[in-house]
Amino acid sequence: MSSRDEAQHLAKRSSEFMMTAKMQFEQGLYGLAAFSLEQALQLYLKHKLLLLGVKFPWTHSVRRLLELLTEAANERCRATVSYVMERYLMELSVLEDAYITSRYVAEGV
């Protein structure tokens, strides 16, 4: 599979996770919705990195992927990503925590 094909696949999966997150949220499944939202964002960022020719590391950290995007992007995009990272630092942290909790921590613990 070429990088472009892989990028398209990641974009499609990102879109599917976003649709899933919306459905889960509407059903009151907030933990699962947060997990799906984090997955959508993670895959979208990996998609963008591939389009920029960057082989991303095997990571689940949205903040790390945003840092890589900042390093690889042009000046305009770099400014936008930096703004998002500064403005939404707490939300990104909560989203990562929701991902880790929903995936690795048993309910009721």
PDB file of N, CA and C in Angstrom:
ATOM      1  N   MET A   1       0.853  -1.173   0.000  1.00  0.00           N
ATOM      2  CA  MET A   1       0.000   0.000   0.000  1.00  0.00           C
ATOM      3  C   MET A   1       0.900   1.239   0.000  1.00  0.00           C
ATOM      4  N   SER A   2       0.636   2.168  -0.898  1.00  0.00           N
ATOM      5  CA  SER A   2       1.420   3.400  -0.973  1.00  0.00           C
ATOM      6  C   SER A   2       1.037   4.340   0.172  1.00  0.00           C
ATOM      7  N   SER A   3       1.883   5.337   0.418  1.00  0.00           N
ATOM      8  CA  SER A   3       1.592   6.326   1.467  1.00  0.00           C
ATOM      9  C   SER A   3       0.292   7.052   1.186  1.00  0.00           C
ATOM     10  N   ARG A   4       0.049   7.355  -0.087  1.00  0.00           N
ATOM     11  CA  ARG A   4      -1.181   8.056  -0.459  1.00  0.00           C
ATOM     12  C   ARG A   4      -2.407   7.181  -0.188  1.00  0.00           C
ATOM     13  N   ASP A   5      -2.295   5.888  -0.526  1.00  0.00           N
ATOM     14  CA  ASP A   5      -3.392   4.951  -0.250  1.00  0.00           C
ATOM     15  C   ASP A   5      -3.627   4.825   1.256  1.00  0.00           C
ATOM     16  N   GLU A   6      -2.527   4.734   2.007  1.00  0.00           N
ATOM     17  CA  GLU A   6      -2.646   4.636   3.452  1.00  0.00           C
ATOM     18  C   GLU A   6      -3.281   5.898   4.031  1.00  0.00           C
ATOM     19  N   ALA A   7      -2.893   7.052   3.510  1.00  0.00           N
ATOM     20  CA  ALA A   7      -3.477   8.318   3.966  1.00  0.00           C
ATOM     21  C   ALA A   7      -4.980   8.349   3.696  1.00  0.00           C
ATOM     22  N   GLN A   8      -5.383   7.891   2.510  1.00  0.00           N
ATOM     23  CA  GLN A   8      -6.814   7.865   2.182  1.00  0.00           C
ATOM     24  C   GLN A   8      -7.564   6.910   3.101  1.00  0.00           C
ATOM     25  N   HIS A   9      -6.946   5.779   3.391  1.00  0.00           N
ATOM     26  CA  HIS A   9      -7.562   4.805   4.292  1.00  0.00           C
ATOM     27  C   HIS A   9      -7.740   5.416   5.688  1.00  0.00           C
ATOM     28  N   LEU A  10      -6.708   6.107   6.174  1.00  0.00           N
ATOM     29  CA  LEU A  10      -6.792   6.739   7.493  1.00  0.00           C
ATOM     30  C   LEU A  10      -7.869   7.819   7.521  1.00  0.00           C
ATOM     31  N   ALA A  11      -7.990   8.583   6.448  1.00  0.00           N
ATOM     32  CA  ALA A  11      -9.027   9.625   6.381  1.00  0.00           C
ATOM     33  C   ALA A  11     -10.422   8.995   6.425  1.00  0.00           C
ATOM     34  N   LYS A  12     -10.596   7.897   5.721  1.00  0.00           N
ATOM     35  CA  LYS A  12     -11.891   7.208   5.710  1.00  0.00           C
ATOM     36  C   LYS A  12     -12.223   6.665   7.099  1.00  0.00           C
ATOM     37  N   ARG A  13     -11.247   6.042   7.738  1.00  0.00           N
ATOM     38  CA  ARG A  13     -11.466   5.499   9.077  1.00  0.00           C
ATOM     39  C   ARG A  13     -11.740   6.619  10.087  1.00  0.00           C
ATOM     40  N   SER A  14     -11.045   7.742   9.927  1.00  0.00           N
ATOM     41  CA  SER A  14     -11.273   8.889  10.790  1.00  0.00           C
ATOM     42  C   SER A  14     -12.717   9.353  10.685  1.00  0.00           C
ATOM     43  N   SER A  15     -13.200   9.450   9.464  1.00  0.00           N
ATOM     44  CA  SER A  15     -14.579   9.866   9.229  1.00  0.00           C
ATOM     45  C   SER A  15     -15.567   8.873   9.857  1.00  0.00           C
ATOM     46  N   GLU A  16     -15.267   7.586   9.740  1.00  0.00           N
ATOM     47  CA  GLU A  16     -16.140   6.562  10.325  1.00  0.00           C
ATOM     48  C   GLU A  16     -16.160   6.661  11.855  1.00  0.00           C
ATOM     49  N   PHE A  17     -15.001   6.885  12.457  1.00  0.00           N
ATOM     50  CA  PHE A  17     -14.962   7.051  13.916  1.00  0.00           C
ATOM     51  C   PHE A  17     -15.719   8.299  14.345  1.00  0.00           C
ATOM     52  N   MET A  18     -15.654   9.359  13.545  1.00  0.00           N
ATOM     53  CA  MET A  18     -16.382  10.580  13.880  1.00  0.00           C
ATOM     54  C   MET A  18     -17.892  10.325  13.835  1.00  0.00           C
ATOM     55  N   MET A  19     -18.353   9.622  12.812  1.00  0.00           N
ATOM     56  CA  MET A  19     -19.777   9.281  12.731  1.00  0.00           C
ATOM     57  C   MET A  19     -20.185   8.415  13.925  1.00  0.00           C
ATOM     58  N   THR A  20     -19.323   7.470  14.281  1.00  0.00           N
ATOM     59  CA  THR A  20     -19.593   6.603  15.425  1.00  0.00           C
ATOM     60  C   THR A  20     -19.676   7.415  16.710  1.00  0.00           C
ATOM     61  N   ALA A  21     -18.759   8.359  16.878  1.00  0.00           N
ATOM     62  CA  ALA A  21     -18.763   9.210  18.083  1.00  0.00           C
ATOM     63  C   ALA A  21     -20.072   9.982  18.193  1.00  0.00           C
ATOM     64  N   LYS A  22     -20.551  10.514  17.079  1.00  0.00           N
ATOM     65  CA  LYS A  22     -21.814  11.259  17.101  1.00  0.00           C
ATOM     66  C   LYS A  22     -22.975  10.361  17.509  1.00  0.00           C
ATOM     67  N   MET A  23     -23.021   9.158  16.952  1.00  0.00           N
ATOM     68  CA  MET A  23     -24.097   8.224  17.289  1.00  0.00           C
ATOM     69  C   MET A  23     -24.026   7.826  18.765  1.00  0.00           C
ATOM     70  N   GLN A  24     -22.818   7.547  19.250  1.00  0.00           N
ATOM     71  CA  GLN A  24     -22.655   7.154  20.648  1.00  0.00           C
ATOM     72  C   GLN A  24     -23.052   8.296  21.583  1.00  0.00           C
ATOM     73  N   PHE A  25     -22.666   9.508  21.226  1.00  0.00           N
ATOM     74  CA  PHE A  25     -23.023  10.668  22.047  1.00  0.00           C
ATOM     75  C   PHE A  25     -24.538  10.823  22.115  1.00  0.00           C
ATOM     76  N   GLU A  26     -25.202  10.693  20.972  1.00  0.00           N
ATOM     77  CA  GLU A  26     -26.665  10.824  20.928  1.00  0.00           C
ATOM     78  C   GLU A  26     -27.350   9.752  21.773  1.00  0.00           C
ATOM     79  N   GLN A  27     -26.709   8.607  21.937  1.00  0.00           N
ATOM     80  CA  GLN A  27     -27.266   7.512  22.735  1.00  0.00           C
ATOM     81  C   GLN A  27     -26.866   7.603  24.213  1.00  0.00           C
ATOM     82  N   GLY A  28     -26.098   8.643  24.561  1.00  0.00           N
ATOM     83  CA  GLY A  28     -25.672   8.804  25.945  1.00  0.00           C
ATOM     84  C   GLY A  28     -24.483   7.947  26.329  1.00  0.00           C
ATOM     85  N   LEU A  29     -23.797   7.397  25.353  1.00  0.00           N
ATOM     86  CA  LEU A  29     -22.618   6.566  25.603  1.00  0.00           C
ATOM     87  C   LEU A  29     -21.381   7.458  25.554  1.00  0.00           C
ATOM     88  N   TYR A  30     -21.239   8.298  26.565  1.00  0.00           N
ATOM     89  CA  TYR A  30     -20.248   9.364  26.525  1.00  0.00           C
ATOM     90  C   TYR A  30     -18.806   8.866  26.571  1.00  0.00           C
ATOM     91  N   GLY A  31     -18.535   7.830  27.339  1.00  0.00           N
ATOM     92  CA  GLY A  31     -17.187   7.272  27.380  1.00  0.00           C
ATOM     93  C   GLY A  31     -16.762   6.722  26.032  1.00  0.00           C
ATOM     94  N   LEU A  32     -17.656   5.987  25.405  1.00  0.00           N
ATOM     95  CA  LEU A  32     -17.364   5.444  24.077  1.00  0.00           C
ATOM     96  C   LEU A  32     -17.272   6.555  23.031  1.00  0.00           C
ATOM     97  N   ALA A  33     -18.105   7.568  23.182  1.00  0.00           N
ATOM     98  CA  ALA A  33     -18.060   8.693  22.248  1.00  0.00           C
ATOM     99  C   ALA A  33     -16.712   9.404  22.347  1.00  0.00           C
ATOM    100  N   ALA A  34     -16.208   9.587  23.562  1.00  0.00           N
ATOM    101  CA  ALA A  34     -14.895  10.227  23.748  1.00  0.00           C
ATOM    102  C   ALA A  34     -13.805   9.362  23.129  1.00  0.00           C
ATOM    103  N   PHE A  35     -13.888   8.054  23.315  1.00  0.00           N
ATOM    104  CA  PHE A  35     -12.918   7.136  22.714  1.00  0.00           C
ATOM    105  C   PHE A  35     -12.942   7.259  21.192  1.00  0.00           C
ATOM    106  N   SER A  36     -14.134   7.223  20.611  1.00  0.00           N
ATOM    107  CA  SER A  36     -14.258   7.306  19.153  1.00  0.00           C
ATOM    108  C   SER A  36     -13.796   8.658  18.628  1.00  0.00           C
ATOM    109  N   LEU A  37     -14.087   9.726  19.356  1.00  0.00           N
ATOM    110  CA  LEU A  37     -13.638  11.052  18.959  1.00  0.00           C
ATOM    111  C   LEU A  37     -12.116  11.129  18.962  1.00  0.00           C
ATOM    112  N   GLU A  38     -11.487  10.569  19.995  1.00  0.00           N
ATOM    113  CA  GLU A  38     -10.028  10.563  20.067  1.00  0.00           C
ATOM    114  C   GLU A  38      -9.453   9.764  18.904  1.00  0.00           C
ATOM    115  N   GLN A  39     -10.062   8.636  18.593  1.00  0.00           N
ATOM    116  CA  GLN A  39      -9.600   7.819  17.467  1.00  0.00           C
ATOM    117  C   GLN A  39      -9.732   8.583  16.155  1.00  0.00           C
ATOM    118  N   ALA A  40     -10.840   9.282  15.978  1.00  0.00           N
ATOM    119  CA  ALA A  40     -11.045  10.070  14.759  1.00  0.00           C
ATOM    120  C   ALA A  40      -9.959  11.126  14.608  1.00  0.00           C
ATOM    121  N   LEU A  41      -9.667  11.828  15.690  1.00  0.00           N
ATOM    122  CA  LEU A  41      -8.641  12.871  15.646  1.00  0.00           C
ATOM    123  C   LEU A  41      -7.265  12.273  15.399  1.00  0.00           C
ATOM    124  N   GLN A  42      -6.953  11.191  16.088  1.00  0.00           N
ATOM    125  CA  GLN A  42      -5.661  10.524  15.926  1.00  0.00           C
ATOM    126  C   GLN A  42      -5.438  10.080  14.468  1.00  0.00           C
ATOM    127  N   LEU A  43      -6.425   9.447  13.891  1.00  0.00           N
ATOM    128  CA  LEU A  43      -6.303   8.972  12.508  1.00  0.00           C
ATOM    129  C   LEU A  43      -6.239  10.135  11.524  1.00  0.00           C
ATOM    130  N   TYR A  44      -6.988  11.195  11.793  1.00  0.00           N
ATOM    131  CA  TYR A  44      -6.945  12.365  10.917  1.00  0.00           C
ATOM    132  C   TYR A  44      -5.554  12.997  10.926  1.00  0.00           C
ATOM    133  N   LEU A  45      -4.961  13.127  12.115  1.00  0.00           N
ATOM    134  CA  LEU A  45      -3.626  13.701  12.210  1.00  0.00           C
ATOM    135  C   LEU A  45      -2.590  12.821  11.511  1.00  0.00           C
ATOM    136  N   LYS A  46      -2.720  11.514  11.653  1.00  0.00           N
ATOM    137  CA  LYS A  46      -1.803  10.596  10.958  1.00  0.00           C
ATOM    138  C   LYS A  46      -1.976  10.717   9.445  1.00  0.00           C
ATOM    139  N   HIS A  47      -3.210  10.886   9.005  1.00  0.00           N
ATOM    140  CA  HIS A  47      -3.510  11.117   7.584  1.00  0.00           C
ATOM    141  C   HIS A  47      -2.776  12.364   7.089  1.00  0.00           C
ATOM    142  N   LYS A  48      -2.888  13.455   7.837  1.00  0.00           N
ATOM    143  CA  LYS A  48      -2.228  14.710   7.450  1.00  0.00           C
ATOM    144  C   LYS A  48      -0.710  14.562   7.427  1.00  0.00           C
ATOM    145  N   LEU A  49      -0.161  13.872   8.409  1.00  0.00           N
ATOM    146  CA  LEU A  49       1.288  13.661   8.445  1.00  0.00           C
ATOM    147  C   LEU A  49       1.762  12.873   7.222  1.00  0.00           C
ATOM    148  N   LEU A  50       1.017  11.831   6.865  1.00  0.00           N
ATOM    149  CA  LEU A  50       1.389  11.058   5.677  1.00  0.00           C
ATOM    150  C   LEU A  50       1.359  11.925   4.419  1.00  0.00           C
ATOM    151  N   LEU A  51       0.366  12.796   4.311  1.00  0.00           N
ATOM    152  CA  LEU A  51       0.285  13.679   3.145  1.00  0.00           C
ATOM    153  C   LEU A  51       1.476  14.630   3.079  1.00  0.00           C
ATOM    154  N   LEU A  52       2.061  14.943   4.240  1.00  0.00           N
ATOM    155  CA  LEU A  52       3.245  15.800   4.291  1.00  0.00           C
ATOM    156  C   LEU A  52       4.539  15.001   4.148  1.00  0.00           C
ATOM    157  N   GLY A  53       4.399  13.687   3.980  1.00  0.00           N
ATOM    158  CA  GLY A  53       5.572  12.845   3.795  1.00  0.00           C
ATOM    159  C   GLY A  53       6.248  12.427   5.086  1.00  0.00           C
ATOM    160  N   VAL A  54       5.545  12.541   6.194  1.00  0.00           N
ATOM    161  CA  VAL A  54       6.110  12.202   7.494  1.00  0.00           C
ATOM    162  C   VAL A  54       5.634  10.813   7.911  1.00  0.00           C
ATOM    163  N   LYS A  55       6.575   9.948   8.206  1.00  0.00           N
ATOM    164  CA  LYS A  55       6.249   8.646   8.781  1.00  0.00           C
ATOM    165  C   LYS A  55       6.083   8.860  10.281  1.00  0.00           C
ATOM    166  N   PHE A  56       4.875   8.721  10.759  1.00  0.00           N
ATOM    167  CA  PHE A  56       4.593   8.989  12.170  1.00  0.00           C
ATOM    168  C   PHE A  56       5.024   7.800  13.025  1.00  0.00           C
ATOM    169  N   PRO A  57       5.421   8.093  14.266  1.00  0.00           N
ATOM    170  CA  PRO A  57       5.798   7.005  15.180  1.00  0.00           C
ATOM    171  C   PRO A  57       4.554   6.256  15.643  1.00  0.00           C
ATOM    172  N   TRP A  58       4.758   5.081  16.162  1.00  0.00           N
ATOM    173  CA  TRP A  58       3.655   4.281  16.685  1.00  0.00           C
ATOM    174  C   TRP A  58       3.247   4.882  18.020  1.00  0.00           C
ATOM    175  N   THR A  59       2.351   5.851  17.989  1.00  0.00           N
ATOM    176  CA  THR A  59       1.919   6.541  19.196  1.00  0.00           C
ATOM    177  C   THR A  59       0.415   6.739  19.184  1.00  0.00           C
ATOM    178  N   HIS A  60      -0.139   6.855  20.371  1.00  0.00           N
ATOM    179  CA  HIS A  60      -1.563   7.152  20.503  1.00  0.00           C
ATOM    180  C   HIS A  60      -1.762   8.560  21.048  1.00  0.00           C
ATOM    181  N   SER A  61      -0.683   9.321  21.159  1.00  0.00           N
ATOM    182  CA  SER A  61      -0.756  10.650  21.735  1.00  0.00           C
ATOM    183  C   SER A  61      -1.130  11.693  20.688  1.00  0.00           C
ATOM    184  N   VAL A  62      -2.314  12.246  20.833  1.00  0.00           N
ATOM    185  CA  VAL A  62      -2.767  13.300  19.929  1.00  0.00           C
ATOM    186  C   VAL A  62      -1.837  14.502  20.029  1.00  0.00           C
ATOM    187  N   ARG A  63      -1.419  14.821  21.248  1.00  0.00           N
ATOM    188  CA  ARG A  63      -0.514  15.967  21.410  1.00  0.00           C
ATOM    189  C   ARG A  63       0.818  15.732  20.711  1.00  0.00           C
ATOM    190  N   ARG A  64       1.344  14.519  20.773  1.00  0.00           N
ATOM    191  CA  ARG A  64       2.598  14.213  20.069  1.00  0.00           C
ATOM    192  C   ARG A  64       2.395  14.317  18.565  1.00  0.00           C
ATOM    193  N   LEU A  65       1.290  13.837  18.059  1.00  0.00           N
ATOM    194  CA  LEU A  65       1.011  13.935  16.618  1.00  0.00           C
ATOM    195  C   LEU A  65       0.877  15.395  16.192  1.00  0.00           C
ATOM    196  N   LEU A  66       0.257  16.214  17.030  1.00  0.00           N
ATOM    197  CA  LEU A  66       0.162  17.650  16.732  1.00  0.00           C
ATOM    198  C   LEU A  66       1.543  18.301  16.717  1.00  0.00           C
ATOM    199  N   GLU A  67       2.413  17.891  17.636  1.00  0.00           N
ATOM    200  CA  GLU A  67       3.786  18.413  17.642  1.00  0.00           C
ATOM    201  C   GLU A  67       4.505  18.053  16.340  1.00  0.00           C
ATOM    202  N   LEU A  68       4.351  16.817  15.892  1.00  0.00           N
ATOM    203  CA  LEU A  68       4.972  16.392  14.637  1.00  0.00           C
ATOM    204  C   LEU A  68       4.417  17.179  13.456  1.00  0.00           C
ATOM    205  N   LEU A  69       3.125  17.421  13.474  1.00  0.00           N
ATOM    206  CA  LEU A  69       2.495  18.200  12.415  1.00  0.00           C
ATOM    207  C   LEU A  69       3.037  19.623  12.401  1.00  0.00           C
ATOM    208  N   THR A  70       3.236  20.185  13.573  1.00  0.00           N
ATOM    209  CA  THR A  70       3.805  21.525  13.682  1.00  0.00           C
ATOM    210  C   THR A  70       5.194  21.572  13.058  1.00  0.00           C
ATOM    211  N   GLU A  71       5.994  20.563  13.335  1.00  0.00           N
ATOM    212  CA  GLU A  71       7.356  20.510  12.800  1.00  0.00           C
ATOM    213  C   GLU A  71       7.379  20.363  11.284  1.00  0.00           C
ATOM    214  N   ALA A  72       6.409  19.635  10.731  1.00  0.00           N
ATOM    215  CA  ALA A  72       6.427  19.311   9.306  1.00  0.00           C
ATOM    216  C   ALA A  72       5.673  20.312   8.433  1.00  0.00           C
ATOM    217  N   ALA A  73       4.806  21.088   9.031  1.00  0.00           N
ATOM    218  CA  ALA A  73       3.896  21.943   8.261  1.00  0.00           C
ATOM    219  C   ALA A  73       4.555  23.245   7.821  1.00  0.00           C
ATOM    220  N   ASN A  74       3.898  23.897   6.869  1.00  0.00           N
ATOM    221  CA  ASN A  74       4.354  25.226   6.456  1.00  0.00           C
ATOM    222  C   ASN A  74       4.022  26.230   7.564  1.00  0.00           C
ATOM    223  N   GLU A  75       4.487  27.440   7.402  1.00  0.00           N
ATOM    224  CA  GLU A  75       4.367  28.442   8.465  1.00  0.00           C
ATOM    225  C   GLU A  75       2.921  28.723   8.855  1.00  0.00           C
ATOM    226  N   ARG A  76       2.037  28.840   7.875  1.00  0.00           N
ATOM    227  CA  ARG A  76       0.623  29.142   8.163  1.00  0.00           C
ATOM    228  C   ARG A  76      -0.022  28.018   8.966  1.00  0.00           C
ATOM    229  N   CYS A  77       0.206  26.796   8.513  1.00  0.00           N
ATOM    230  CA  CYS A  77      -0.360  25.637   9.203  1.00  0.00           C
ATOM    231  C   CYS A  77       0.262  25.495  10.589  1.00  0.00           C
ATOM    232  N   ARG A  78       1.549  25.746  10.694  1.00  0.00           N
ATOM    233  CA  ARG A  78       2.264  25.652  11.974  1.00  0.00           C
ATOM    234  C   ARG A  78       1.636  26.595  13.002  1.00  0.00           C
ATOM    235  N   ALA A  79       1.309  27.805  12.570  1.00  0.00           N
ATOM    236  CA  ALA A  79       0.694  28.778  13.467  1.00  0.00           C
ATOM    237  C   ALA A  79      -0.682  28.303  13.929  1.00  0.00           C
ATOM    238  N   THR A  80      -1.439  27.733  13.028  1.00  0.00           N
ATOM    239  CA  THR A  80      -2.776  27.233  13.367  1.00  0.00           C
ATOM    240  C   THR A  80      -2.695  26.083  14.352  1.00  0.00           C
ATOM    241  N   VAL A  81      -1.813  25.133  14.085  1.00  0.00           N
ATOM    242  CA  VAL A  81      -1.680  23.979  14.976  1.00  0.00           C
ATOM    243  C   VAL A  81      -1.169  24.420  16.340  1.00  0.00           C
ATOM    244  N   SER A  82      -0.226  25.338  16.363  1.00  0.00           N
ATOM    245  CA  SER A  82       0.282  25.854  17.638  1.00  0.00           C
ATOM    246  C   SER A  82      -0.834  26.519  18.436  1.00  0.00           C
ATOM    247  N   TYR A  83      -1.674  27.277  17.748  1.00  0.00           N
ATOM    248  CA  TYR A  83      -2.809  27.918  18.412  1.00  0.00           C
ATOM    249  C   TYR A  83      -3.752  26.864  19.011  1.00  0.00           C
ATOM    250  N   VAL A  84      -4.066  25.848  18.239  1.00  0.00           N
ATOM    251  CA  VAL A  84      -4.960  24.783  18.715  1.00  0.00           C
ATOM    252  C   VAL A  84      -4.353  24.103  19.937  1.00  0.00           C
ATOM    253  N   MET A  85      -3.056  23.833  19.886  1.00  0.00           N
ATOM    254  CA  MET A  85      -2.401  23.160  21.007  1.00  0.00           C
ATOM    255  C   MET A  85      -2.427  24.025  22.267  1.00  0.00           C
ATOM    256  N   GLU A  86      -2.223  25.326  22.113  1.00  0.00           N
ATOM    257  CA  GLU A  86      -2.245  26.225  23.265  1.00  0.00           C
ATOM    258  C   GLU A  86      -3.667  26.428  23.784  1.00  0.00           C
ATOM    259  N   ARG A  87      -4.582  26.687  22.868  1.00  0.00           N
ATOM    260  CA  ARG A  87      -5.965  27.017  23.227  1.00  0.00           C
ATOM    261  C   ARG A  87      -6.711  25.818  23.812  1.00  0.00           C
ATOM    262  N   TYR A  88      -6.439  24.632  23.314  1.00  0.00           N
ATOM    263  CA  TYR A  88      -7.187  23.442  23.699  1.00  0.00           C
ATOM    264  C   TYR A  88      -6.331  22.408  24.425  1.00  0.00           C
ATOM    265  N   LEU A  89      -5.283  22.857  25.107  1.00  0.00           N
ATOM    266  CA  LEU A  89      -4.387  21.937  25.813  1.00  0.00           C
ATOM    267  C   LEU A  89      -5.147  21.080  26.816  1.00  0.00           C
ATOM    268  N   MET A  90      -5.999  21.695  27.619  1.00  0.00           N
ATOM    269  CA  MET A  90      -6.745  20.943  28.619  1.00  0.00           C
ATOM    270  C   MET A  90      -7.681  19.930  27.963  1.00  0.00           C
ATOM    271  N   GLU A  91      -8.396  20.357  26.910  1.00  0.00           N
ATOM    272  CA  GLU A  91      -9.325  19.472  26.234  1.00  0.00           C
ATOM    273  C   GLU A  91      -8.596  18.292  25.586  1.00  0.00           C
ATOM    274  N   LEU A  92      -7.427  18.568  25.006  1.00  0.00           N
ATOM    275  CA  LEU A  92      -6.635  17.491  24.400  1.00  0.00           C
ATOM    276  C   LEU A  92      -6.170  16.504  25.460  1.00  0.00           C
ATOM    277  N   SER A  93      -5.788  17.010  26.620  1.00  0.00           N
ATOM    278  CA  SER A  93      -5.374  16.140  27.723  1.00  0.00           C
ATOM    279  C   SER A  93      -6.534  15.270  28.196  1.00  0.00           C
ATOM    280  N   VAL A  94      -7.697  15.875  28.333  1.00  0.00           N
ATOM    281  CA  VAL A  94      -8.882  15.132  28.760  1.00  0.00           C
ATOM    282  C   VAL A  94      -9.247  14.068  27.731  1.00  0.00           C
ATOM    283  N   LEU A  95      -9.138  14.424  26.451  1.00  0.00           N
ATOM    284  CA  LEU A  95      -9.441  13.470  25.386  1.00  0.00           C
ATOM    285  C   LEU A  95      -8.481  12.282  25.425  1.00  0.00           C
ATOM    286  N   GLU A  96      -7.198  12.549  25.623  1.00  0.00           N
ATOM    287  CA  GLU A  96      -6.225  11.458  25.735  1.00  0.00           C
ATOM    288  C   GLU A  96      -6.515  10.602  26.963  1.00  0.00           C
ATOM    289  N   ASP A  97      -6.847  11.244  28.083  1.00  0.00           N
ATOM    290  CA  ASP A  97      -7.184  10.488  29.293  1.00  0.00           C
ATOM    291  C   ASP A  97      -8.415   9.612  29.071  1.00  0.00           C
ATOM    292  N   ALA A  98      -9.410  10.141  28.379  1.00  0.00           N
ATOM    293  CA  ALA A  98     -10.626   9.372  28.091  1.00  0.00           C
ATOM    294  C   ALA A  98     -10.292   8.153  27.243  1.00  0.00           C
ATOM    295  N   TYR A  99      -9.403   8.325  26.289  1.00  0.00           N
ATOM    296  CA  TYR A  99      -8.975   7.212  25.433  1.00  0.00           C
ATOM    297  C   TYR A  99      -8.310   6.132  26.278  1.00  0.00           C
ATOM    298  N   ILE A 100      -7.355   6.539  27.107  1.00  0.00           N
ATOM    299  CA  ILE A 100      -6.609   5.573  27.923  1.00  0.00           C
ATOM    300  C   ILE A 100      -7.536   4.880  28.909  1.00  0.00           C
ATOM    301  N   THR A 101      -8.392   5.665  29.562  1.00  0.00           N
ATOM    302  CA  THR A 101      -9.318   5.107  30.539  1.00  0.00           C
ATOM    303  C   THR A 101     -10.285   4.126  29.901  1.00  0.00           C
ATOM    304  N   SER A 102     -10.864   4.496  28.761  1.00  0.00           N
ATOM    305  CA  SER A 102     -11.848   3.619  28.137  1.00  0.00           C
ATOM    306  C   SER A 102     -11.207   2.351  27.574  1.00  0.00           C
ATOM    307  N   ARG A 103      -9.937   2.431  27.262  1.00  0.00           N
ATOM    308  CA  ARG A 103      -9.277   1.280  26.655  1.00  0.00           C
ATOM    309  C   ARG A 103      -8.627   0.360  27.685  1.00  0.00           C
ATOM    310  N   TYR A 104      -8.057   0.938  28.737  1.00  0.00           N
ATOM    311  CA  TYR A 104      -7.199   0.147  29.620  1.00  0.00           C
ATOM    312  C   TYR A 104      -7.683   0.002  31.058  1.00  0.00           C
ATOM    313  N   VAL A 105      -8.616   0.835  31.510  1.00  0.00           N
ATOM    314  CA  VAL A 105      -9.044   0.778  32.908  1.00  0.00           C
ATOM    315  C   VAL A 105     -10.401   0.089  32.985  1.00  0.00           C
ATOM    316  N   ALA A 106     -10.469  -0.915  33.846  1.00  0.00           N
ATOM    317  CA  ALA A 106     -11.731  -1.639  34.028  1.00  0.00           C
ATOM    318  C   ALA A 106     -12.760  -0.728  34.660  1.00  0.00           C
ATOM    319  N   GLU A 107     -14.002  -0.846  34.205  1.00  0.00           N
ATOM    320  CA  GLU A 107     -15.077  -0.013  34.733  1.00  0.00           C
ATOM    321  C   GLU A 107     -15.301  -0.319  36.200  1.00  0.00           C
ATOM    322  N   GLY A 108     -15.544   0.728  36.984  1.00  0.00           N
ATOM    323  CA  GLY A 108     -15.792   0.554  38.400  1.00  0.00           C
ATOM    324  C   GLY A 108     -14.529   0.537  39.240  1.00  0.00           C
ATOM    325  N   VAL A 109     -13.388   0.686  38.604  1.00  0.00           N
ATOM    326  CA  VAL A 109     -12.122   0.679  39.363  1.00  0.00           C
ATOM    327  C   VAL A 109     -11.798   2.056  39.840  1.00  0.00           C
TER     328      VAL A 109
END
